[in-house]
Every structure is written in structure tokens, then in C-alpha cells.
């Protein structure tokens, strides 16, 4: 997906609204990726709660909103990858 979009006047505009989180994305994903795999059972604890805690502990300077935004982006990307793999297998 392109990161640049154009407004109605044709001016290029960055679509990301949290550029300060972009530099943390890869490391944060590595830290929490294992929570999203179906084969793992986390003693009944909600996956998002565990992921939020790990990210918050790794980046204590982030606001609660930033931690939620980062975890949500990682979860969306993971779900997108799972759907793409399912479509690939179906064809």
C-alpha cells in the first residue's frame, strides 16, 4: 500500500499519522508476534492485554494511546498476512 496519497488539489500527503511509531514497529512486532499464533495458549489471558503489556514495558515513554496504536497496527498486519496465506492456499 502506498504511503503517500494525494489530496483533492493533487498535493502529496503522508497517510501515516504516527511517524514516531514507525521506527519502533519492527522491534515491537518481534517482541509480540508469538502472541498471535493460534498454537499458543496464554493461560486464558487476552492476547491484546499481553501484547499491550510487553510493548508498554519495552517502551515506557510511549503514551497508552501510542501503545494501543502500535499493537493494533501489528495485529492488523498479522491478520492481513494470515488472510493472504489462506487465499494463496485456496488457489
Protein backbone atom coordinates (compact mmCIF):
# COMPACT_ATOMS: atom_id res chain seq x y z
CA UNK A 1 0.00 0.00 0.00
CA UNK A 2 1.46 3.38 -0.92
CA UNK A 3 2.41 5.62 1.96
CA UNK A 4 1.78 8.80 0.00
CA UNK A 5 -1.66 9.89 -1.08
CA UNK A 6 -2.83 13.00 -2.86
CA UNK A 7 -5.39 15.45 -1.56
CA UNK A 8 -8.09 16.98 -3.74
CA UNK A 9 -5.65 19.61 -5.01
CA UNK A 10 -3.21 16.90 -6.10
CA UNK A 11 -0.70 17.67 -3.35
CA UNK A 12 1.16 14.66 -1.94
CA UNK A 13 0.30 13.97 1.70
CA UNK A 14 1.80 11.34 4.01
CA UNK A 15 -1.02 8.98 5.04
CA UNK A 16 0.63 7.84 8.25
CA UNK A 17 -0.37 9.87 11.26
CA UNK A 18 2.08 8.37 13.80
CA UNK A 19 5.55 8.52 12.21
CA UNK A 20 7.25 8.30 15.62
CA UNK A 21 5.86 4.75 15.97
CA UNK A 22 7.15 3.58 12.60
CA UNK A 23 10.72 3.26 13.84
CA UNK A 24 9.51 1.01 16.69
CA UNK A 25 7.25 -1.21 14.59
CA UNK A 26 9.74 -3.92 13.59
CA UNK A 27 11.18 -4.37 17.07
CA UNK A 28 7.74 -4.30 18.69
CA UNK A 29 6.44 -6.87 16.21
CA UNK A 30 9.32 -9.20 17.03
CA UNK A 31 8.51 -8.84 20.73
CA UNK A 32 4.79 -9.69 20.42
CA UNK A 33 4.44 -11.72 17.21
CA UNK A 34 4.30 -15.02 19.11
CA UNK A 35 1.10 -13.92 20.89
CA UNK A 36 -0.84 -14.04 17.62
CA UNK A 37 -0.05 -17.62 16.64
CA UNK A 38 -3.00 -19.97 17.20
CA UNK A 39 -0.87 -22.77 18.58
CA UNK A 40 -0.01 -20.75 21.68
CA UNK A 41 -2.21 -20.76 24.75
CA UNK A 42 -1.55 -17.92 27.16
CA UNK A 43 -3.36 -19.30 30.21
CA UNK A 44 -6.62 -17.73 29.12
CA UNK A 45 -5.24 -14.19 29.19
CA UNK A 46 -6.42 -11.97 26.34
CA UNK A 47 -3.76 -11.71 23.66
CA UNK A 48 -4.14 -7.97 23.29
CA UNK A 49 -3.64 -7.45 27.02
CA UNK A 50 -0.40 -9.40 26.99
CA UNK A 51 0.83 -7.65 23.86
CA UNK A 52 -0.01 -4.24 25.31
CA UNK A 53 1.94 -5.04 28.48
CA UNK A 54 5.01 -6.23 26.59
CA UNK A 55 5.05 -3.15 24.35
CA UNK A 56 4.46 -0.81 27.28
CA UNK A 57 7.29 -2.40 29.26
CA UNK A 58 9.63 -2.21 26.26
CA UNK A 59 8.76 1.43 25.53
CA UNK A 60 7.74 3.05 28.83
CA UNK A 61 7.92 6.55 27.34
CA UNK A 62 5.06 5.85 24.93
CA UNK A 63 1.59 7.03 25.89
CA UNK A 64 -1.15 4.47 26.40
CA UNK A 65 -2.71 5.61 23.13
CA UNK A 66 0.58 5.10 21.26
CA UNK A 67 0.99 1.61 22.73
CA UNK A 68 -2.54 0.70 21.63
CA UNK A 69 -1.94 2.16 18.16
CA UNK A 70 1.28 0.20 17.73
CA UNK A 71 -0.23 -3.09 18.91
CA UNK A 72 -3.31 -2.57 16.74
CA UNK A 73 -1.12 -1.95 13.67
CA UNK A 74 0.86 -5.12 14.35
CA UNK A 75 -2.32 -7.13 14.85
CA UNK A 76 -3.86 -5.77 11.63
CA UNK A 77 -0.73 -6.64 9.67
CA UNK A 78 -0.62 -10.15 11.13
CA UNK A 79 -4.29 -10.74 10.28
CA UNK A 80 -3.69 -9.42 6.76
CA UNK A 81 -0.81 -11.86 6.30
CA UNK A 82 -2.94 -14.77 7.57
CA UNK A 83 -5.72 -13.89 5.10
CA UNK A 84 -3.22 -13.63 2.24
CA UNK A 85 -1.78 -17.04 3.10
CA UNK A 86 -5.27 -18.55 3.19
CA UNK A 87 -6.06 -17.11 -0.24
CA UNK A 88 -2.79 -18.42 -1.62
CA UNK A 89 -3.57 -21.91 -0.32
CA UNK A 90 -7.10 -21.77 -1.73
CA UNK A 91 -5.80 -21.19 -5.26
